[in-house]
Amino acid sequence: MSKKYIILCAAICCLLGMGAALVYHYLRFEHTYKEECSISMVVYHKNVHANITLNFMYSLEKQQGVVAVSGNYLQDDKPKGIIRRDVSYDWTENQDVYHLHSTKIDKYEGMETLPDALLASILPDFYVYPNENVSYSILNQGERGFLFTIGKRPLFYCAR
């Protein structure tokens, strides 16, 4: 076999793999979870600076969803790791208070490089470990999104 043929076959296999991953993502998230909102935030803690996006995809009917967590983590202004994981969750609600329960954490191997212990220092355990809880008051802000609060203190805005 010639080198050109081997390279062509490898390129085709890569493209097929990427296509399969996109189809899997669409079928798992886009088709299953009809509602979605996104949060972009910057976290500062001591000498740490993290840029994080939380993309909530959920089904009101099933009361379950997935949070796609992505971003980067810098310590002393130097890159320390990349965050990319999906947190599967379900919830119960009492008026505007939502009790979220993480059921599964899917890390994107090869993409996520940040150890769980470092992520747990800047985000609630709900986003890091399975079988953890977090509660938010979630206030509907009309067609544009939701305001997540704890008590009367706003935490972040989730845009649709």
C-alpha atoms as a PDB file:
ATOM      1  CA  MET A   1       0.000   0.000   0.000  1.00  0.00           C
ATOM      2  CA  SER A   2       1.171   3.473  -0.761  1.00  0.00           C
ATOM      3  CA  LYS A   3       1.553   6.162   1.890  1.00  0.00           C
ATOM      4  CA  LYS A   4      -1.076   8.315   0.156  1.00  0.00           C
ATOM      5  CA  TYR A   5      -3.629   5.506   0.423  1.00  0.00           C
ATOM      6  CA  ILE A   6      -2.897   4.981   4.135  1.00  0.00           C
ATOM      7  CA  ILE A   7      -3.154   8.734   4.833  1.00  0.00           C
ATOM      8  CA  LEU A   8      -6.427   8.926   2.898  1.00  0.00           C
ATOM      9  CA  CYS A   9      -7.875   5.982   4.854  1.00  0.00           C
ATOM     10  CA  ALA A  10      -6.787   7.537   8.164  1.00  0.00           C
ATOM     11  CA  ALA A  11      -8.365  10.879   7.212  1.00  0.00           C
ATOM     12  CA  ILE A  12     -11.630   9.180   6.241  1.00  0.00           C
ATOM     13  CA  CYS A  13     -11.677   7.264   9.542  1.00  0.00           C
ATOM     14  CA  CYS A  14     -11.113  10.520  11.480  1.00  0.00           C
ATOM     15  CA  LEU A  15     -13.940  12.251   9.623  1.00  0.00           C
ATOM     16  CA  LEU A  16     -16.276   9.315  10.224  1.00  0.00           C
ATOM     17  CA  GLY A  17     -15.359   9.337  13.923  1.00  0.00           C
ATOM     18  CA  MET A  18     -16.067  13.059  14.232  1.00  0.00           C
ATOM     19  CA  GLY A  19     -19.358  12.614  12.394  1.00  0.00           C
ATOM     20  CA  ALA A  20     -20.368   9.780  14.708  1.00  0.00           C
ATOM     21  CA  ALA A  21     -19.520  11.931  17.748  1.00  0.00           C
ATOM     22  CA  LEU A  22     -21.688  14.772  16.426  1.00  0.00           C
ATOM     23  CA  VAL A  23     -24.604  12.431  15.759  1.00  0.00           C
ATOM     24  CA  TYR A  24     -24.213  10.911  19.248  1.00  0.00           C
ATOM     25  CA  HIS A  25     -24.182  14.387  20.844  1.00  0.00           C
ATOM     26  CA  TYR A  26     -27.269  15.431  18.883  1.00  0.00           C
ATOM     27  CA  LEU A  27     -29.222  12.296  19.740  1.00  0.00           C
ATOM     28  CA  ARG A  28     -28.192  12.310  23.394  1.00  0.00           C
ATOM     29  CA  PHE A  29     -28.649  15.982  24.217  1.00  0.00           C
ATOM     30  CA  GLU A  30     -30.326  18.054  21.520  1.00  0.00           C
ATOM     31  CA  HIS A  31     -33.094  15.575  20.833  1.00  0.00           C
ATOM     32  CA  THR A  32     -33.646  14.468  24.442  1.00  0.00           C
ATOM     33  CA  TYR A  33     -33.473  17.829  26.220  1.00  0.00           C
ATOM     34  CA  LYS A  34     -35.691  20.420  24.554  1.00  0.00           C
ATOM     35  CA  GLU A  35     -34.958  23.373  26.843  1.00  0.00           C
ATOM     36  CA  GLU A  36     -31.601  25.073  27.205  1.00  0.00           C
ATOM     37  CA  CYS A  37     -29.919  28.076  28.811  1.00  0.00           C
ATOM     38  CA  SER A  38     -26.277  29.130  29.178  1.00  0.00           C
ATOM     39  CA  ILE A  39     -24.221  30.843  31.848  1.00  0.00           C
ATOM     40  CA  SER A  40     -20.791  32.390  31.308  1.00  0.00           C
ATOM     41  CA  MET A  41     -18.905  33.284  34.460  1.00  0.00           C
ATOM     42  CA  VAL A  42     -15.485  34.204  35.745  1.00  0.00           C
ATOM     43  CA  VAL A  43     -14.428  32.809  39.123  1.00  0.00           C
ATOM     44  CA  TYR A  44     -11.672  34.380  41.207  1.00  0.00           C
ATOM     45  CA  HIS A  45     -10.452  32.514  44.287  1.00  0.00           C
ATOM     46  CA  LYS A  46      -7.123  33.434  45.896  1.00  0.00           C
ATOM     47  CA  ASN A  47      -4.544  33.134  43.081  1.00  0.00           C
ATOM     48  CA  VAL A  48      -6.949  31.230  40.771  1.00  0.00           C
ATOM     49  CA  HIS A  49      -8.854  32.635  37.805  1.00  0.00           C
ATOM     50  CA  ALA A  50     -11.317  30.386  35.934  1.00  0.00           C
ATOM     51  CA  ASN A  51     -13.491  31.130  32.896  1.00  0.00           C
ATOM     52  CA  ILE A  52     -16.441  28.737  32.998  1.00  0.00           C
ATOM     53  CA  THR A  53     -19.508  28.129  30.837  1.00  0.00           C
ATOM     54  CA  LEU A  54     -22.449  26.144  32.195  1.00  0.00           C
ATOM     55  CA  ASN A  55     -24.861  25.025  29.476  1.00  0.00           C
ATOM     56  CA  PHE A  56     -28.043  23.648  31.083  1.00  0.00           C
ATOM     57  CA  MET A  57     -30.040  21.312  28.814  1.00  0.00           C
ATOM     58  CA  TYR A  58     -33.169  19.881  30.403  1.00  0.00           C
ATOM     59  CA  SER A  59     -36.611  18.354  30.011  1.00  0.00           C
ATOM     60  CA  LEU A  60     -39.343  19.897  32.157  1.00  0.00           C
ATOM     61  CA  GLU A  61     -41.502  16.836  31.559  1.00  0.00           C
ATOM     62  CA  LYS A  62     -38.887  14.330  32.786  1.00  0.00           C
ATOM     63  CA  GLN A  63     -37.368  16.663  35.415  1.00  0.00           C
ATOM     64  CA  GLN A  64     -33.872  15.729  34.324  1.00  0.00           C
ATOM     65  CA  GLY A  65     -31.103  17.177  32.251  1.00  0.00           C
ATOM     66  CA  VAL A  66     -27.416  17.644  31.564  1.00  0.00           C
ATOM     67  CA  VAL A  67     -25.103  20.552  32.390  1.00  0.00           C
ATOM     68  CA  ALA A  68     -22.201  20.854  29.952  1.00  0.00           C
ATOM     69  CA  VAL A  69     -19.368  22.392  31.991  1.00  0.00           C
ATOM     70  CA  SER A  70     -16.454  23.851  30.045  1.00  0.00           C
ATOM     71  CA  GLY A  71     -13.709  26.368  30.567  1.00  0.00           C
ATOM     72  CA  ASN A  72     -10.145  26.930  31.641  1.00  0.00           C
ATOM     73  CA  TYR A  73      -8.378  27.234  34.980  1.00  0.00           C
ATOM     74  CA  LEU A  74      -5.407  29.519  35.571  1.00  0.00           C
ATOM     75  CA  GLN A  75      -3.253  29.649  38.673  1.00  0.00           C
ATOM     76  CA  ASP A  76      -0.872  32.601  39.095  1.00  0.00           C
ATOM     77  CA  ASP A  77      -1.915  33.624  35.548  1.00  0.00           C
ATOM     78  CA  LYS A  78      -0.575  30.339  34.125  1.00  0.00           C
ATOM     79  CA  PRO A  79      -2.827  27.692  32.522  1.00  0.00           C
ATOM     80  CA  LYS A  80      -3.337  24.820  34.957  1.00  0.00           C
ATOM     81  CA  GLY A  81      -6.028  22.826  33.179  1.00  0.00           C
ATOM     82  CA  ILE A  82      -9.028  22.582  30.886  1.00  0.00           C
ATOM     83  CA  ILE A  83     -12.555  21.766  32.077  1.00  0.00           C
ATOM     84  CA  ARG A  84     -14.941  19.766  29.850  1.00  0.00           C
ATOM     85  CA  ARG A  85     -17.539  17.474  31.388  1.00  0.00           C
ATOM     86  CA  ASP A  86     -21.241  16.694  31.276  1.00  0.00           C
ATOM     87  CA  VAL A  87     -23.140  16.459  34.557  1.00  0.00           C
ATOM     88  CA  SER A  88     -26.358  14.432  34.302  1.00  0.00           C
ATOM     89  CA  TYR A  89     -28.908  15.444  36.908  1.00  0.00           C
ATOM     90  CA  ASP A  90     -32.482  15.231  38.058  1.00  0.00           C
ATOM     91  CA  TRP A  91     -34.361  17.624  40.285  1.00  0.00           C
ATOM     92  CA  THR A  92     -37.232  18.218  42.633  1.00  0.00           C
ATOM     93  CA  GLU A  93     -38.829  21.578  43.080  1.00  0.00           C
ATOM     94  CA  ASN A  94     -40.727  23.501  45.715  1.00  0.00           C
ATOM     95  CA  GLN A  95     -42.184  26.676  44.209  1.00  0.00           C
ATOM     96  CA  ASP A  96     -39.139  28.558  42.837  1.00  0.00           C
ATOM     97  CA  VAL A  97     -36.545  26.455  44.714  1.00  0.00           C
ATOM     98  CA  TYR A  98     -34.945  23.664  42.681  1.00  0.00           C
ATOM     99  CA  HIS A  99     -32.968  20.890  44.358  1.00  0.00           C
ATOM    100  CA  LEU A 100     -30.580  19.475  41.725  1.00  0.00           C
ATOM    101  CA  HIS A 101     -29.035  16.027  42.214  1.00  0.00           C
ATOM    102  CA  SER A 102     -26.057  14.904  40.087  1.00  0.00           C
ATOM    103  CA  THR A 103     -26.506  11.339  38.838  1.00  0.00           C
ATOM    104  CA  LYS A 104     -23.509  10.901  36.522  1.00  0.00           C
ATOM    105  CA  ILE A 105     -20.344  12.768  35.526  1.00  0.00           C
ATOM    106  CA  ASP A 106     -19.023  12.225  31.989  1.00  0.00           C
ATOM    107  CA  LYS A 107     -15.554  13.696  31.533  1.00  0.00           C
ATOM    108  CA  TYR A 108     -14.274  14.211  28.012  1.00  0.00           C
ATOM    109  CA  GLU A 109     -11.043  12.247  28.182  1.00  0.00           C
ATOM    110  CA  GLY A 110      -8.284  13.904  26.238  1.00  0.00           C
ATOM    111  CA  MET A 111      -9.989  17.287  26.624  1.00  0.00           C
ATOM    112  CA  GLU A 112     -10.399  17.677  30.382  1.00  0.00           C
ATOM    113  CA  THR A 113      -7.072  18.004  32.162  1.00  0.00           C
ATOM    114  CA  LEU A 114      -8.075  19.598  35.476  1.00  0.00           C
ATOM    115  CA  PRO A 115      -8.100  17.317  38.561  1.00  0.00           C
ATOM    116  CA  ASP A 116     -11.421  17.051  40.415  1.00  0.00           C
ATOM    117  CA  ALA A 117      -9.908  18.472  43.609  1.00  0.00           C
ATOM    118  CA  LEU A 118      -9.033  21.751  41.868  1.00  0.00           C
ATOM    119  CA  LEU A 119     -12.455  22.014  40.233  1.00  0.00           C
ATOM    120  CA  ALA A 120     -14.089  21.366  43.622  1.00  0.00           C
ATOM    121  CA  SER A 121     -12.227  24.378  45.013  1.00  0.00           C
ATOM    122  CA  ILE A 122     -14.153  26.749  42.706  1.00  0.00           C
ATOM    123  CA  LEU A 123     -17.487  25.007  41.977  1.00  0.00           C
ATOM    124  CA  PRO A 124     -20.030  23.178  44.150  1.00  0.00           C
ATOM    125  CA  ASP A 125     -19.503  19.403  44.429  1.00  0.00           C
ATOM    126  CA  PHE A 126     -22.650  18.918  42.298  1.00  0.00           C
ATOM    127  CA  TYR A 127     -20.556  19.813  39.213  1.00  0.00           C
ATOM    128  CA  VAL A 128     -17.633  17.603  40.230  1.00  0.00           C
ATOM    129  CA  TYR A 129     -18.914  14.340  41.752  1.00  0.00           C
ATOM    130  CA  PRO A 130     -21.956  12.101  41.209  1.00  0.00           C
ATOM    131  CA  ASN A 131     -24.635  11.818  43.898  1.00  0.00           C
ATOM    132  CA  GLU A 132     -24.192  15.419  45.102  1.00  0.00           C
ATOM    133  CA  ASN A 133     -26.811  18.127  45.540  1.00  0.00           C
ATOM    134  CA  VAL A 134     -27.122  21.854  45.024  1.00  0.00           C
ATOM    135  CA  SER A 135     -30.188  24.062  45.495  1.00  0.00           C
ATOM    136  CA  TYR A 136     -31.000  27.269  43.665  1.00  0.00           C
ATOM    137  CA  SER A 137     -33.955  29.606  43.531  1.00  0.00           C
ATOM    138  CA  ILE A 138     -34.564  29.923  39.803  1.00  0.00           C
ATOM    139  CA  LEU A 139     -36.608  32.946  38.812  1.00  0.00           C
ATOM    140  CA  ASN A 140     -38.069  33.079  35.310  1.00  0.00           C
ATOM    141  CA  GLN A 141     -37.073  36.276  33.505  1.00  0.00           C
ATOM    142  CA  GLY A 142     -39.415  35.792  30.553  1.00  0.00           C
ATOM    143  CA  GLU A 143     -38.345  34.545  27.140  1.00  0.00           C
ATOM    144  CA  ARG A 144     -34.727  35.625  27.621  1.00  0.00           C
ATOM    145  CA  GLY A 145     -33.710  33.409  30.541  1.00  0.00           C
ATOM    146  CA  PHE A 146     -33.558  32.733  34.267  1.00  0.00           C
ATOM    147  CA  LEU A 147     -31.961  34.299  37.317  1.00  0.00           C
ATOM    148  CA  PHE A 148     -30.286  31.785  39.648  1.00  0.00           C
ATOM    149  CA  THR A 149     -30.189  32.957  43.264  1.00  0.00           C
ATOM    150  CA  ILE A 150     -29.476  31.681  46.743  1.00  0.00           C
ATOM    151  CA  GLY A 151     -31.876  33.455  49.053  1.00  0.00           C
ATOM    152  CA  LYS A 152     -32.042  37.031  47.800  1.00  0.00           C
ATOM    153  CA  ARG A 153     -28.464  37.017  46.482  1.00  0.00           C
ATOM    154  CA  PRO A 154     -28.261  36.668  42.679  1.00  0.00           C
ATOM    155  CA  LEU A 155     -25.592  34.238  41.494  1.00  0.00           C
ATOM    156  CA  PHE A 156     -25.870  34.222  37.732  1.00  0.00           C
ATOM    157  CA  TYR A 157     -28.145  34.777  34.758  1.00  0.00           C
ATOM    158  CA  CYS A 158     -28.894  31.840  32.478  1.00  0.00           C
ATOM    159  CA  ALA A 159     -29.656  33.116  28.951  1.00  0.00           C
ATOM    160  CA  ARG A 160     -31.873  31.140  26.579  1.00  0.00           C
END
